[in-house]
Amino acid sequence: MARYPGPPLSFDYPRDWLDRTEVRFEAPPRPGVDGVRSPGGLSCTRATLAADESLERHVERALAAFAQREGFLAREVSPLEVDGRRSLLCRYASVEGGVPLEHRAVYVPLAERGVAVLTMSAPRLELAQMEPLFERMLSSVTVGRSG
């Protein structure tokens, strides 16, 4: 067995299981046009590259899956450096619950063909306010020794 170190929980899991840990942070809700809503959030997920897959191909596959979303529009894929690692930034839009959203997803390669995906999502009307905050959070990213 392997051990997930938390927080808030620690627990054992089978060593051969894939770690799909997700961490999500949201801005506090505030009154919006359609009631109370969060102006945006940041999630961090993990993925694994297929044996013969490049980071670019992995991102293409992810965008193809996102294309099933309502109002999906791929805007840009560009190279980016995160903590000295060649990474990729994807900008795309979607509609969720009738709300137009803008997304910024950064794909950071990790050890053993792992990939960390940092995704900032915000309602289109909140993007100008949220994007500088996302840039500041992104500039603080460090990849641990095991990554």
N, C-alpha and C. Protein backbone atom coordinates (compact mmCIF):
# COMPACT_ATOMS: atom_id res chain seq x y z
N MET A 1 0.84 -1.19 0.00
CA MET A 1 0.00 0.00 0.00
C MET A 1 0.89 1.25 0.00
N ALA A 2 0.36 2.30 -0.61
CA ALA A 2 0.99 3.62 -0.57
C ALA A 2 0.16 4.46 0.39
N ARG A 3 0.68 5.62 0.75
CA ARG A 3 -0.05 6.47 1.68
C ARG A 3 -0.23 7.85 1.08
N TYR A 4 -1.47 8.35 1.08
CA TYR A 4 -1.75 9.73 0.68
C TYR A 4 -1.56 10.60 1.92
N PRO A 5 -0.68 11.63 1.84
CA PRO A 5 -0.32 12.38 3.04
C PRO A 5 -1.27 13.49 3.46
N GLY A 6 -2.39 13.70 2.72
CA GLY A 6 -3.31 14.76 3.13
C GLY A 6 -2.72 16.12 2.90
N PRO A 7 -3.17 17.16 3.50
CA PRO A 7 -4.33 17.29 4.36
C PRO A 7 -5.62 17.35 3.55
N PRO A 8 -6.78 17.29 4.10
CA PRO A 8 -7.04 17.17 5.52
C PRO A 8 -7.02 15.73 6.00
N LEU A 9 -7.00 14.75 5.07
CA LEU A 9 -7.01 13.35 5.47
C LEU A 9 -5.76 12.65 4.98
N SER A 10 -5.31 11.66 5.72
CA SER A 10 -4.26 10.76 5.28
C SER A 10 -4.86 9.37 5.24
N PHE A 11 -4.49 8.58 4.24
CA PHE A 11 -5.02 7.23 4.16
C PHE A 11 -4.16 6.38 3.24
N ASP A 12 -4.30 5.06 3.39
CA ASP A 12 -3.59 4.11 2.54
C ASP A 12 -4.42 3.82 1.30
N TYR A 13 -3.73 3.53 0.20
CA TYR A 13 -4.40 3.13 -1.04
C TYR A 13 -3.47 2.18 -1.79
N PRO A 14 -4.02 1.34 -2.68
CA PRO A 14 -3.17 0.39 -3.40
C PRO A 14 -2.08 1.10 -4.20
N ARG A 15 -0.88 0.60 -4.09
CA ARG A 15 0.30 1.23 -4.68
C ARG A 15 0.17 1.41 -6.20
N ASP A 16 -0.53 0.53 -6.89
CA ASP A 16 -0.62 0.62 -8.34
C ASP A 16 -1.76 1.52 -8.82
N TRP A 17 -2.52 2.10 -7.91
CA TRP A 17 -3.59 3.02 -8.31
C TRP A 17 -2.98 4.34 -8.76
N LEU A 18 -3.63 5.01 -9.70
CA LEU A 18 -3.17 6.29 -10.21
C LEU A 18 -3.64 7.42 -9.31
N ASP A 19 -2.76 8.33 -9.00
CA ASP A 19 -3.10 9.48 -8.17
C ASP A 19 -3.78 10.53 -9.03
N ARG A 20 -5.06 10.76 -8.81
CA ARG A 20 -5.83 11.76 -9.54
C ARG A 20 -6.29 12.87 -8.59
N THR A 21 -5.42 13.17 -7.65
CA THR A 21 -5.73 14.18 -6.65
C THR A 21 -6.18 15.47 -7.32
N GLU A 22 -7.21 16.10 -6.75
CA GLU A 22 -7.66 17.40 -7.23
C GLU A 22 -7.75 18.35 -6.05
N VAL A 23 -7.23 19.53 -6.24
CA VAL A 23 -7.31 20.59 -5.24
C VAL A 23 -8.03 21.74 -5.91
N ARG A 24 -9.01 22.33 -5.22
CA ARG A 24 -9.77 23.42 -5.81
C ARG A 24 -9.93 24.55 -4.81
N PHE A 25 -9.68 25.77 -5.28
CA PHE A 25 -9.88 26.98 -4.50
C PHE A 25 -10.84 27.87 -5.26
N GLU A 26 -11.78 28.49 -4.55
CA GLU A 26 -12.72 29.42 -5.18
C GLU A 26 -12.70 30.74 -4.44
N ALA A 27 -12.86 31.81 -5.20
CA ALA A 27 -13.03 33.12 -4.59
C ALA A 27 -14.34 33.10 -3.82
N PRO A 28 -14.46 33.88 -2.75
CA PRO A 28 -15.71 33.87 -1.99
C PRO A 28 -16.87 34.37 -2.84
N PRO A 29 -18.05 33.77 -2.66
CA PRO A 29 -19.20 34.22 -3.45
C PRO A 29 -19.56 35.65 -3.12
N ARG A 30 -20.14 36.31 -4.09
CA ARG A 30 -20.63 37.67 -3.88
C ARG A 30 -21.86 37.86 -4.75
N PRO A 31 -22.68 38.83 -4.41
CA PRO A 31 -23.89 39.04 -5.20
C PRO A 31 -23.55 39.27 -6.67
N GLY A 32 -24.27 38.56 -7.53
CA GLY A 32 -24.07 38.71 -8.97
C GLY A 32 -25.39 39.01 -9.64
N VAL A 33 -25.35 39.17 -10.91
CA VAL A 33 -26.54 39.48 -11.68
C VAL A 33 -27.60 38.41 -11.47
N ASP A 34 -27.18 37.14 -11.39
CA ASP A 34 -28.12 36.04 -11.28
C ASP A 34 -28.09 35.42 -9.89
N GLY A 35 -27.87 36.21 -8.87
CA GLY A 35 -27.80 35.69 -7.50
C GLY A 35 -26.38 35.72 -7.00
N VAL A 36 -26.08 34.88 -6.04
CA VAL A 36 -24.73 34.83 -5.47
C VAL A 36 -23.92 33.83 -6.28
N ARG A 37 -22.75 34.25 -6.70
CA ARG A 37 -21.87 33.35 -7.45
C ARG A 37 -20.42 33.68 -7.12
N SER A 38 -19.55 32.71 -7.36
CA SER A 38 -18.13 32.93 -7.17
C SER A 38 -17.57 33.59 -8.42
N PRO A 39 -16.69 34.56 -8.27
CA PRO A 39 -16.11 35.21 -9.44
C PRO A 39 -15.03 34.37 -10.12
N GLY A 40 -14.66 33.24 -9.54
CA GLY A 40 -13.66 32.41 -10.20
C GLY A 40 -12.99 31.46 -9.25
N GLY A 41 -12.15 30.61 -9.81
CA GLY A 41 -11.46 29.65 -8.97
C GLY A 41 -10.25 29.07 -9.67
N LEU A 42 -9.49 28.32 -8.90
CA LEU A 42 -8.28 27.65 -9.39
C LEU A 42 -8.36 26.20 -8.96
N SER A 43 -8.13 25.29 -9.90
CA SER A 43 -8.06 23.88 -9.54
C SER A 43 -6.73 23.33 -10.00
N CYS A 44 -6.25 22.33 -9.29
CA CYS A 44 -5.02 21.63 -9.65
C CYS A 44 -5.35 20.15 -9.71
N THR A 45 -5.16 19.56 -10.88
CA THR A 45 -5.40 18.13 -11.06
C THR A 45 -4.12 17.49 -11.58
N ARG A 46 -4.12 16.16 -11.58
CA ARG A 46 -2.99 15.42 -12.12
C ARG A 46 -3.46 14.53 -13.25
N ALA A 47 -2.56 14.30 -14.18
CA ALA A 47 -2.81 13.39 -15.28
C ALA A 47 -1.51 12.65 -15.57
N THR A 48 -1.57 11.68 -16.46
CA THR A 48 -0.39 10.92 -16.85
C THR A 48 -0.33 10.86 -18.37
N LEU A 49 0.84 11.16 -18.92
CA LEU A 49 1.04 11.05 -20.36
C LEU A 49 1.05 9.57 -20.74
N ALA A 50 0.43 9.23 -21.87
CA ALA A 50 0.52 7.87 -22.40
C ALA A 50 1.98 7.60 -22.75
N ALA A 51 2.34 6.33 -22.89
CA ALA A 51 3.73 5.93 -23.10
C ALA A 51 4.40 6.66 -24.26
N ASP A 52 3.69 6.87 -25.36
CA ASP A 52 4.28 7.50 -26.54
C ASP A 52 3.75 8.91 -26.77
N GLU A 53 3.20 9.53 -25.74
CA GLU A 53 2.52 10.81 -25.89
C GLU A 53 3.40 11.98 -25.44
N SER A 54 3.43 13.03 -26.26
CA SER A 54 4.13 14.27 -25.89
C SER A 54 3.16 15.14 -25.10
N LEU A 55 3.70 16.15 -24.43
CA LEU A 55 2.86 17.10 -23.70
C LEU A 55 1.90 17.79 -24.68
N GLU A 56 2.39 18.14 -25.86
CA GLU A 56 1.55 18.80 -26.86
C GLU A 56 0.37 17.90 -27.26
N ARG A 57 0.63 16.63 -27.49
CA ARG A 57 -0.44 15.70 -27.89
C ARG A 57 -1.43 15.52 -26.75
N HIS A 58 -0.94 15.48 -25.52
CA HIS A 58 -1.82 15.35 -24.35
C HIS A 58 -2.78 16.54 -24.29
N VAL A 59 -2.27 17.73 -24.52
CA VAL A 59 -3.10 18.94 -24.50
C VAL A 59 -4.12 18.90 -25.64
N GLU A 60 -3.70 18.45 -26.82
CA GLU A 60 -4.64 18.31 -27.94
C GLU A 60 -5.79 17.38 -27.56
N ARG A 61 -5.48 16.26 -26.92
CA ARG A 61 -6.52 15.32 -26.49
C ARG A 61 -7.45 15.96 -25.47
N ALA A 62 -6.88 16.71 -24.52
CA ALA A 62 -7.69 17.38 -23.49
C ALA A 62 -8.64 18.39 -24.14
N LEU A 63 -8.13 19.17 -25.08
CA LEU A 63 -8.96 20.16 -25.75
C LEU A 63 -10.07 19.49 -26.57
N ALA A 64 -9.77 18.35 -27.18
CA ALA A 64 -10.79 17.62 -27.94
C ALA A 64 -11.90 17.17 -27.00
N ALA A 65 -11.54 16.74 -25.79
CA ALA A 65 -12.56 16.33 -24.81
C ALA A 65 -13.37 17.54 -24.36
N PHE A 66 -12.71 18.67 -24.14
CA PHE A 66 -13.42 19.89 -23.72
C PHE A 66 -14.36 20.39 -24.81
N ALA A 67 -14.09 20.05 -26.07
CA ALA A 67 -14.90 20.53 -27.19
C ALA A 67 -16.35 20.07 -27.07
N GLN A 68 -16.61 19.10 -26.20
CA GLN A 68 -17.98 18.62 -25.99
C GLN A 68 -18.78 19.58 -25.11
N ARG A 69 -18.11 20.52 -24.45
CA ARG A 69 -18.80 21.47 -23.58
C ARG A 69 -19.59 22.48 -24.39
N GLU A 70 -20.66 22.95 -23.77
CA GLU A 70 -21.48 23.98 -24.39
C GLU A 70 -20.64 25.25 -24.59
N GLY A 71 -20.72 25.82 -25.77
CA GLY A 71 -20.05 27.08 -26.04
C GLY A 71 -18.53 27.00 -26.05
N PHE A 72 -17.95 25.78 -26.19
CA PHE A 72 -16.50 25.65 -26.16
C PHE A 72 -15.86 26.38 -27.34
N LEU A 73 -14.80 27.11 -27.03
CA LEU A 73 -14.03 27.80 -28.05
C LEU A 73 -12.56 27.78 -27.62
N ALA A 74 -11.72 27.07 -28.37
CA ALA A 74 -10.28 27.08 -28.09
C ALA A 74 -9.73 28.40 -28.59
N ARG A 75 -8.99 29.09 -27.74
CA ARG A 75 -8.46 30.40 -28.11
C ARG A 75 -6.98 30.35 -28.47
N GLU A 76 -6.18 29.63 -27.66
CA GLU A 76 -4.72 29.68 -27.87
C GLU A 76 -4.05 28.57 -27.07
N VAL A 77 -2.97 28.03 -27.63
CA VAL A 77 -2.06 27.15 -26.90
C VAL A 77 -0.68 27.74 -27.12
N SER A 78 0.04 28.02 -26.03
CA SER A 78 1.36 28.63 -26.16
C SER A 78 2.32 28.07 -25.12
N PRO A 79 3.62 28.08 -25.43
CA PRO A 79 4.62 27.60 -24.47
C PRO A 79 4.77 28.57 -23.30
N LEU A 80 5.15 28.02 -22.18
CA LEU A 80 5.30 28.80 -20.96
C LEU A 80 6.31 28.08 -20.08
N GLU A 81 7.10 28.80 -19.32
CA GLU A 81 8.02 28.16 -18.39
C GLU A 81 7.46 28.28 -16.98
N VAL A 82 7.40 27.16 -16.28
CA VAL A 82 6.92 27.12 -14.89
C VAL A 82 8.00 26.44 -14.06
N ASP A 83 8.59 27.17 -13.14
CA ASP A 83 9.66 26.66 -12.28
C ASP A 83 10.74 25.93 -13.09
N GLY A 84 11.12 26.55 -14.21
CA GLY A 84 12.19 26.02 -15.04
C GLY A 84 11.77 24.87 -15.95
N ARG A 85 10.49 24.54 -15.98
CA ARG A 85 10.01 23.44 -16.83
C ARG A 85 9.21 23.99 -18.01
N ARG A 86 9.51 23.44 -19.18
CA ARG A 86 8.76 23.83 -20.38
C ARG A 86 7.34 23.30 -20.23
N SER A 87 6.38 24.20 -20.18
CA SER A 87 4.98 23.88 -19.93
C SER A 87 4.14 24.45 -21.07
N LEU A 88 2.85 24.21 -21.01
CA LEU A 88 1.95 24.75 -22.03
C LEU A 88 0.78 25.47 -21.37
N LEU A 89 0.41 26.61 -21.94
CA LEU A 89 -0.74 27.39 -21.49
C LEU A 89 -1.83 27.27 -22.55
N CYS A 90 -3.04 26.89 -22.11
CA CYS A 90 -4.20 26.83 -23.00
C CYS A 90 -5.21 27.85 -22.54
N ARG A 91 -5.70 28.62 -23.47
CA ARG A 91 -6.79 29.56 -23.19
C ARG A 91 -8.00 29.07 -23.97
N TYR A 92 -9.13 28.93 -23.27
CA TYR A 92 -10.35 28.49 -23.94
C TYR A 92 -11.57 29.03 -23.20
N ALA A 93 -12.72 28.95 -23.86
CA ALA A 93 -13.97 29.45 -23.29
C ALA A 93 -15.01 28.34 -23.32
N SER A 94 -15.99 28.44 -22.42
CA SER A 94 -17.12 27.52 -22.41
C SER A 94 -18.31 28.26 -21.78
N VAL A 95 -19.43 27.58 -21.77
CA VAL A 95 -20.63 28.11 -21.10
C VAL A 95 -21.08 27.04 -20.12
N GLU A 96 -21.26 27.42 -18.85
CA GLU A 96 -21.73 26.47 -17.85
C GLU A 96 -22.90 27.11 -17.10
N GLY A 97 -24.01 26.41 -17.09
CA GLY A 97 -25.20 26.95 -16.44
C GLY A 97 -25.64 28.27 -17.03
N GLY A 98 -25.40 28.45 -18.31
CA GLY A 98 -25.79 29.69 -18.97
C GLY A 98 -24.81 30.83 -18.78
N VAL A 99 -23.73 30.60 -18.03
CA VAL A 99 -22.74 31.65 -17.75
C VAL A 99 -21.52 31.45 -18.65
N PRO A 100 -21.16 32.43 -19.48
CA PRO A 100 -19.94 32.33 -20.29
C PRO A 100 -18.71 32.38 -19.39
N LEU A 101 -17.84 31.38 -19.53
CA LEU A 101 -16.63 31.28 -18.71
C LEU A 101 -15.39 31.34 -19.59
N GLU A 102 -14.32 31.87 -19.01
CA GLU A 102 -13.00 31.85 -19.63
C GLU A 102 -12.11 30.98 -18.75
N HIS A 103 -11.24 30.19 -19.41
CA HIS A 103 -10.36 29.27 -18.69
C HIS A 103 -8.92 29.48 -19.13
N ARG A 104 -8.02 29.33 -18.17
CA ARG A 104 -6.58 29.32 -18.43
C ARG A 104 -6.06 28.04 -17.80
N ALA A 105 -5.57 27.11 -18.60
CA ALA A 105 -5.06 25.84 -18.09
C ALA A 105 -3.58 25.75 -18.40
N VAL A 106 -2.78 25.51 -17.36
CA VAL A 106 -1.34 25.38 -17.52
C VAL A 106 -0.96 23.94 -17.23
N TYR A 107 -0.32 23.30 -18.21
CA TYR A 107 0.11 21.90 -18.12
C TYR A 107 1.59 21.87 -17.81
N VAL A 108 1.94 21.35 -16.61
CA VAL A 108 3.32 21.33 -16.14
C VAL A 108 3.78 19.88 -16.06
N PRO A 109 4.85 19.51 -16.81
CA PRO A 109 5.34 18.12 -16.75
C PRO A 109 5.96 17.81 -15.39
N LEU A 110 5.71 16.58 -14.93
CA LEU A 110 6.25 16.09 -13.66
C LEU A 110 7.08 14.84 -13.94
N ALA A 111 7.63 14.25 -12.90
CA ALA A 111 8.40 13.01 -13.03
C ALA A 111 7.49 11.87 -13.46
N GLU A 112 8.10 10.86 -14.02
CA GLU A 112 7.40 9.62 -14.38
C GLU A 112 6.18 9.86 -15.26
N ARG A 113 6.33 10.77 -16.23
CA ARG A 113 5.30 11.09 -17.23
C ARG A 113 4.04 11.70 -16.64
N GLY A 114 4.17 12.23 -15.43
CA GLY A 114 3.05 12.90 -14.80
C GLY A 114 2.90 14.32 -15.33
N VAL A 115 1.70 14.86 -15.15
CA VAL A 115 1.40 16.23 -15.57
C VAL A 115 0.51 16.85 -14.49
N ALA A 116 0.88 18.03 -14.04
CA ALA A 116 0.01 18.81 -13.16
C ALA A 116 -0.72 19.82 -14.05
N VAL A 117 -2.02 19.97 -13.83
CA VAL A 117 -2.80 20.90 -14.62
C VAL A 117 -3.42 21.92 -13.68
N LEU A 118 -2.96 23.17 -13.80
CA LEU A 118 -3.51 24.28 -13.02
C LEU A 118 -4.51 25.01 -13.91
N THR A 119 -5.77 25.05 -13.49
CA THR A 119 -6.80 25.67 -14.31
C THR A 119 -7.49 26.79 -13.55
N MET A 120 -7.44 27.99 -14.12
CA MET A 120 -8.17 29.13 -13.57
C MET A 120 -9.40 29.31 -14.43
N SER A 121 -10.56 29.36 -13.79
CA SER A 121 -11.82 29.59 -14.49
C SER A 121 -12.51 30.79 -13.88
N ALA A 122 -13.08 31.63 -14.73
CA ALA A 122 -13.78 32.82 -14.25
C ALA A 122 -14.88 33.17 -15.23
N PRO A 123 -15.98 33.71 -14.72
CA PRO A 123 -16.98 34.24 -15.64
C PRO A 123 -16.33 35.30 -16.53
N ARG A 124 -16.70 35.32 -17.78
CA ARG A 124 -16.09 36.24 -18.74
C ARG A 124 -16.08 37.68 -18.21
N LEU A 125 -17.15 38.09 -17.53
CA LEU A 125 -17.22 39.46 -17.02
C LEU A 125 -16.25 39.72 -15.87
N GLU A 126 -15.73 38.67 -15.24
CA GLU A 126 -14.80 38.82 -14.11
C GLU A 126 -13.34 38.59 -14.52
N LEU A 127 -13.11 38.22 -15.77
CA LEU A 127 -11.77 37.81 -16.19
C LEU A 127 -10.71 38.89 -15.98
N ALA A 128 -11.01 40.11 -16.34
CA ALA A 128 -10.03 41.19 -16.21
C ALA A 128 -9.54 41.33 -14.77
N GLN A 129 -10.44 41.12 -13.82
CA GLN A 129 -10.07 41.22 -12.41
C GLN A 129 -9.32 39.97 -11.94
N MET A 130 -9.71 38.80 -12.43
CA MET A 130 -9.14 37.55 -11.93
C MET A 130 -7.80 37.18 -12.57
N GLU A 131 -7.58 37.57 -13.81
CA GLU A 131 -6.37 37.13 -14.51
C GLU A 131 -5.07 37.58 -13.84
N PRO A 132 -4.94 38.82 -13.37
CA PRO A 132 -3.70 39.19 -12.68
C PRO A 132 -3.45 38.35 -11.42
N LEU A 133 -4.52 37.98 -10.74
CA LEU A 133 -4.38 37.12 -9.56
C LEU A 133 -3.87 35.75 -9.97
N PHE A 134 -4.40 35.20 -11.06
CA PHE A 134 -3.93 33.92 -11.55
C PHE A 134 -2.46 34.00 -11.94
N GLU A 135 -2.05 35.06 -12.60
CA GLU A 135 -0.64 35.24 -12.98
C GLU A 135 0.25 35.25 -11.75
N ARG A 136 -0.20 35.92 -10.70
CA ARG A 136 0.59 35.97 -9.47
C ARG A 136 0.69 34.59 -8.83
N MET A 137 -0.42 33.85 -8.80
CA MET A 137 -0.38 32.48 -8.25
C MET A 137 0.53 31.60 -9.09
N LEU A 138 0.43 31.71 -10.41
CA LEU A 138 1.24 30.89 -11.30
C LEU A 138 2.73 31.18 -11.12
N SER A 139 3.08 32.44 -10.91
CA SER A 139 4.50 32.78 -10.74
C SER A 139 5.08 32.23 -9.44
N SER A 140 4.20 31.82 -8.52
CA SER A 140 4.68 31.28 -7.24
C SER A 140 4.84 29.77 -7.25
N VAL A 141 4.50 29.10 -8.37
CA VAL A 141 4.54 27.65 -8.42
C VAL A 141 5.97 27.13 -8.35
N THR A 142 6.17 26.15 -7.50
CA THR A 142 7.41 25.39 -7.46
C THR A 142 7.05 23.91 -7.56
N VAL A 143 7.91 23.16 -8.23
CA VAL A 143 7.68 21.72 -8.39
C VAL A 143 8.56 21.01 -7.36
N GLY A 144 7.94 20.18 -6.53
CA GLY A 144 8.67 19.46 -5.50
C GLY A 144 9.70 18.52 -6.07
N ARG A 145 10.60 18.07 -5.24
CA ARG A 145 11.68 17.18 -5.67
C ARG A 145 11.17 15.92 -6.34
N SER A 146 10.05 15.36 -5.84
CA SER A 146 9.52 14.15 -6.44
C SER A 146 8.81 14.42 -7.75
N GLY A 147 8.51 15.72 -8.02
CA GLY A 147 7.87 16.08 -9.29
C GLY A 147 8.87 16.27 -10.36
